N, C-alpha and C. Protein backbone atom coordinates (compact mmCIF):
# COMPACT_ATOMS: atom_id res chain seq x y z
N MET A 1 74.71 -28.99 -18.32
CA MET A 1 73.92 -27.82 -18.65
C MET A 1 73.14 -27.39 -17.40
N ASN A 2 73.23 -26.12 -17.06
CA ASN A 2 72.50 -25.55 -15.92
C ASN A 2 71.29 -24.79 -16.41
N ARG A 3 70.25 -24.84 -15.62
CA ARG A 3 69.04 -24.11 -15.96
C ARG A 3 68.92 -22.90 -15.04
N LEU A 4 68.63 -21.74 -15.61
CA LEU A 4 68.47 -20.51 -14.84
C LEU A 4 66.99 -20.26 -14.56
N VAL A 5 66.72 -19.75 -13.40
CA VAL A 5 65.35 -19.40 -13.03
C VAL A 5 65.02 -18.06 -13.67
N SER A 6 63.91 -18.02 -14.40
CA SER A 6 63.56 -16.79 -15.10
C SER A 6 62.60 -15.92 -14.30
N ARG A 7 61.81 -16.51 -13.40
CA ARG A 7 60.87 -15.73 -12.59
C ARG A 7 60.81 -16.29 -11.19
N VAL A 8 60.60 -15.38 -10.26
CA VAL A 8 60.45 -15.77 -8.87
C VAL A 8 59.29 -14.97 -8.30
N ALA A 9 58.40 -15.62 -7.60
CA ALA A 9 57.31 -14.93 -6.92
C ALA A 9 57.57 -14.97 -5.43
N VAL A 10 57.44 -13.81 -4.79
CA VAL A 10 57.64 -13.73 -3.35
C VAL A 10 56.30 -13.39 -2.72
N ILE A 11 55.90 -14.19 -1.78
CA ILE A 11 54.63 -13.97 -1.09
C ILE A 11 54.94 -13.35 0.26
N HIS A 12 54.31 -12.22 0.55
CA HIS A 12 54.51 -11.53 1.81
C HIS A 12 53.25 -11.65 2.66
N ALA A 13 53.45 -11.74 3.95
CA ALA A 13 52.32 -11.74 4.86
C ALA A 13 51.71 -10.35 4.86
N PRO A 14 50.39 -10.24 5.03
CA PRO A 14 49.77 -8.91 5.06
C PRO A 14 50.31 -8.09 6.23
N VAL A 15 50.35 -6.78 6.04
CA VAL A 15 50.81 -5.89 7.09
C VAL A 15 49.68 -5.68 8.08
N ASP A 16 50.00 -5.82 9.35
CA ASP A 16 49.02 -5.60 10.41
C ASP A 16 49.05 -4.12 10.77
N GLY A 17 47.99 -3.41 10.44
CA GLY A 17 47.93 -1.98 10.70
C GLY A 17 48.10 -1.62 12.17
N ALA A 18 47.68 -2.51 13.08
CA ALA A 18 47.79 -2.23 14.51
C ALA A 18 49.24 -2.23 14.98
N SER A 19 50.07 -3.05 14.34
CA SER A 19 51.47 -3.14 14.78
C SER A 19 52.40 -2.25 13.96
N LEU A 20 51.86 -1.56 12.97
CA LEU A 20 52.66 -0.70 12.11
C LEU A 20 53.09 0.55 12.88
N ASN A 21 54.38 0.84 12.85
CA ASN A 21 54.90 2.04 13.50
C ASN A 21 54.80 3.20 12.50
N LYS A 22 53.72 3.93 12.60
CA LYS A 22 53.46 5.02 11.66
C LYS A 22 54.51 6.13 11.77
N ASN A 23 55.00 6.38 12.98
CA ASN A 23 56.03 7.42 13.15
C ASN A 23 57.30 7.03 12.41
N GLU A 24 57.65 5.75 12.44
CA GLU A 24 58.85 5.29 11.73
C GLU A 24 58.66 5.44 10.22
N LEU A 25 57.47 5.13 9.74
CA LEU A 25 57.18 5.23 8.31
C LEU A 25 57.25 6.69 7.84
N LEU A 26 56.81 7.61 8.69
CA LEU A 26 56.78 9.03 8.33
C LEU A 26 58.04 9.78 8.74
N ASP A 27 58.95 9.10 9.47
CA ASP A 27 60.17 9.74 9.96
C ASP A 27 61.00 10.31 8.81
N GLY A 28 61.31 11.58 8.91
CA GLY A 28 62.18 12.22 7.92
C GLY A 28 61.50 12.65 6.64
N VAL A 29 60.19 12.50 6.54
CA VAL A 29 59.50 12.90 5.31
C VAL A 29 59.32 14.41 5.30
N ASP A 30 59.81 15.05 4.25
CA ASP A 30 59.62 16.48 4.03
C ASP A 30 58.56 16.60 2.94
N TYR A 31 57.35 16.99 3.34
CA TYR A 31 56.22 17.00 2.42
C TYR A 31 56.36 18.01 1.29
N SER A 32 57.32 18.92 1.40
CA SER A 32 57.51 19.90 0.33
C SER A 32 58.66 19.52 -0.59
N ASP A 33 59.39 18.45 -0.29
CA ASP A 33 60.55 18.03 -1.08
C ASP A 33 60.17 16.86 -2.00
N PRO A 34 60.23 17.05 -3.31
CA PRO A 34 59.84 15.98 -4.24
C PRO A 34 60.62 14.67 -4.03
N ALA A 35 61.92 14.74 -3.80
CA ALA A 35 62.71 13.51 -3.61
C ALA A 35 62.30 12.79 -2.34
N SER A 36 62.03 13.53 -1.27
CA SER A 36 61.59 12.94 -0.01
C SER A 36 60.24 12.25 -0.18
N MET A 37 59.33 12.89 -0.90
CA MET A 37 58.01 12.30 -1.12
C MET A 37 58.09 11.07 -2.02
N ALA A 38 58.96 11.10 -3.03
CA ALA A 38 59.14 9.93 -3.90
C ALA A 38 59.63 8.75 -3.06
N ASN A 39 60.60 8.99 -2.19
CA ASN A 39 61.10 7.92 -1.32
C ASN A 39 60.02 7.42 -0.37
N PHE A 40 59.20 8.32 0.14
CA PHE A 40 58.10 7.94 1.02
C PHE A 40 57.12 7.01 0.29
N PHE A 41 56.75 7.37 -0.94
CA PHE A 41 55.81 6.54 -1.69
C PHE A 41 56.41 5.16 -2.01
N ARG A 42 57.72 5.12 -2.28
CA ARG A 42 58.37 3.83 -2.49
C ARG A 42 58.32 2.97 -1.22
N ARG A 43 58.61 3.62 -0.07
CA ARG A 43 58.56 2.90 1.22
C ARG A 43 57.15 2.39 1.49
N MET A 44 56.16 3.19 1.18
CA MET A 44 54.77 2.76 1.38
C MET A 44 54.47 1.52 0.53
N GLY A 45 54.90 1.55 -0.72
CA GLY A 45 54.68 0.39 -1.60
C GLY A 45 55.38 -0.85 -1.08
N ASP A 46 56.61 -0.68 -0.61
CA ASP A 46 57.35 -1.81 -0.05
C ASP A 46 56.72 -2.33 1.23
N THR A 47 56.29 -1.42 2.08
CA THR A 47 55.70 -1.80 3.37
C THR A 47 54.40 -2.56 3.18
N PHE A 48 53.57 -2.06 2.28
CA PHE A 48 52.26 -2.67 2.10
C PHE A 48 52.23 -3.67 0.95
N HIS A 49 53.39 -3.91 0.35
CA HIS A 49 53.53 -4.90 -0.73
C HIS A 49 52.52 -4.66 -1.84
N ASP A 50 52.40 -3.39 -2.20
CA ASP A 50 51.46 -3.03 -3.26
C ASP A 50 51.92 -3.59 -4.60
N GLU A 51 50.94 -3.94 -5.43
CA GLU A 51 51.25 -4.38 -6.78
C GLU A 51 51.66 -3.17 -7.60
N GLN A 52 52.33 -3.44 -8.71
CA GLN A 52 52.76 -2.37 -9.62
C GLN A 52 51.54 -1.54 -10.01
N ASN A 53 51.67 -0.23 -9.94
CA ASN A 53 50.57 0.67 -10.23
C ASN A 53 51.10 1.78 -11.13
N GLU A 54 50.61 1.84 -12.36
CA GLU A 54 51.10 2.82 -13.33
C GLU A 54 50.92 4.26 -12.86
N HIS A 55 49.80 4.53 -12.21
CA HIS A 55 49.53 5.90 -11.73
C HIS A 55 50.56 6.29 -10.67
N MET A 56 50.83 5.40 -9.72
CA MET A 56 51.80 5.71 -8.67
C MET A 56 53.21 5.79 -9.26
N ASP A 57 53.52 4.92 -10.22
CA ASP A 57 54.83 4.99 -10.88
C ASP A 57 55.02 6.33 -11.57
N GLU A 58 53.95 6.84 -12.18
CA GLU A 58 54.02 8.14 -12.86
C GLU A 58 54.28 9.25 -11.84
N ILE A 59 53.57 9.21 -10.72
CA ILE A 59 53.75 10.23 -9.68
C ILE A 59 55.18 10.20 -9.16
N ILE A 60 55.68 9.00 -8.85
CA ILE A 60 57.04 8.87 -8.33
C ILE A 60 58.04 9.37 -9.36
N GLY A 61 57.83 9.06 -10.62
CA GLY A 61 58.71 9.53 -11.68
C GLY A 61 58.71 11.05 -11.79
N ARG A 62 57.54 11.65 -11.66
CA ARG A 62 57.45 13.11 -11.72
C ARG A 62 58.17 13.73 -10.54
N LEU A 63 58.02 13.13 -9.36
CA LEU A 63 58.71 13.63 -8.18
C LEU A 63 60.22 13.46 -8.32
N ASP A 64 60.64 12.31 -8.85
CA ASP A 64 62.07 12.05 -9.06
C ASP A 64 62.70 13.08 -9.99
N HIS A 65 61.90 13.63 -10.90
CA HIS A 65 62.42 14.64 -11.83
C HIS A 65 62.29 16.05 -11.27
N GLY A 66 61.90 16.16 -9.99
CA GLY A 66 61.87 17.46 -9.33
C GLY A 66 60.60 18.25 -9.48
N GLU A 67 59.55 17.63 -10.01
CA GLU A 67 58.29 18.35 -10.14
C GLU A 67 57.75 18.66 -8.74
N PRO A 68 57.24 19.87 -8.53
CA PRO A 68 56.70 20.21 -7.21
C PRO A 68 55.65 19.19 -6.75
N VAL A 69 55.64 18.92 -5.45
CA VAL A 69 54.76 17.91 -4.88
C VAL A 69 53.30 18.18 -5.23
N GLU A 70 52.86 19.43 -5.06
CA GLU A 70 51.46 19.77 -5.32
C GLU A 70 51.08 19.46 -6.76
N LYS A 71 51.98 19.75 -7.69
CA LYS A 71 51.70 19.50 -9.11
C LYS A 71 51.73 18.00 -9.42
N ALA A 72 52.71 17.28 -8.89
CA ALA A 72 52.82 15.85 -9.16
C ALA A 72 51.62 15.09 -8.61
N LEU A 73 51.07 15.56 -7.48
CA LEU A 73 49.92 14.91 -6.87
C LEU A 73 48.60 15.50 -7.35
N ASP A 74 48.68 16.44 -8.29
CA ASP A 74 47.50 17.14 -8.81
C ASP A 74 46.69 17.80 -7.69
N LEU A 75 47.41 18.44 -6.76
CA LEU A 75 46.77 19.20 -5.68
C LEU A 75 46.80 20.67 -6.05
N HIS A 76 45.82 21.38 -5.58
CA HIS A 76 45.75 22.81 -5.86
C HIS A 76 45.64 23.54 -4.53
N THR A 77 46.47 24.55 -4.33
CA THR A 77 46.46 25.32 -3.09
C THR A 77 45.74 26.64 -3.33
N HIS A 78 44.83 26.94 -2.43
CA HIS A 78 44.09 28.19 -2.50
C HIS A 78 44.49 29.05 -1.31
N VAL A 79 44.86 30.30 -1.56
CA VAL A 79 45.25 31.21 -0.49
C VAL A 79 44.02 31.97 -0.05
N HIS A 80 43.80 32.01 1.28
CA HIS A 80 42.65 32.72 1.84
C HIS A 80 43.03 34.16 2.14
N ASP A 81 42.03 35.00 2.34
CA ASP A 81 42.25 36.41 2.67
C ASP A 81 43.05 36.57 3.96
N ASP A 82 42.91 35.62 4.90
CA ASP A 82 43.61 35.74 6.20
C ASP A 82 45.05 35.25 6.12
N GLY A 83 45.54 34.90 4.92
CA GLY A 83 46.92 34.45 4.77
C GLY A 83 47.08 32.96 4.86
N GLY A 84 46.07 32.24 5.33
CA GLY A 84 46.13 30.78 5.41
C GLY A 84 45.93 30.17 4.04
N SER A 85 46.15 28.89 3.94
CA SER A 85 45.94 28.22 2.66
C SER A 85 45.25 26.88 2.88
N THR A 86 44.59 26.43 1.86
CA THR A 86 43.91 25.15 1.88
C THR A 86 44.33 24.40 0.63
N THR A 87 44.70 23.14 0.80
CA THR A 87 45.05 22.31 -0.35
C THR A 87 43.88 21.41 -0.64
N THR A 88 43.44 21.42 -1.89
CA THR A 88 42.32 20.58 -2.30
C THR A 88 42.75 19.69 -3.43
N GLU A 89 42.05 18.58 -3.58
CA GLU A 89 42.33 17.64 -4.65
C GLU A 89 41.19 17.73 -5.63
N ASP A 90 41.51 17.78 -6.91
CA ASP A 90 40.45 17.81 -7.95
C ASP A 90 39.89 16.45 -8.15
């Protein structure tokens, strides 16, 4: 009779912010594309070994379903008289 392992815990060393290649992490991210942003958030979680987070899972799910980035992140864009825009978070 063989016994199967039901759970495995993996311990990761903390990420050293000084040695982190931020350009590599941000490479190819299209901030207006929901799928690109969902992949970025997944990479961030993997890189920083974040614990499961229901709020982030919800955002990634909304992005995966094509919801606009501003709406999925609950950001609001205000257009100024000069044609510029400002994104604010509630």
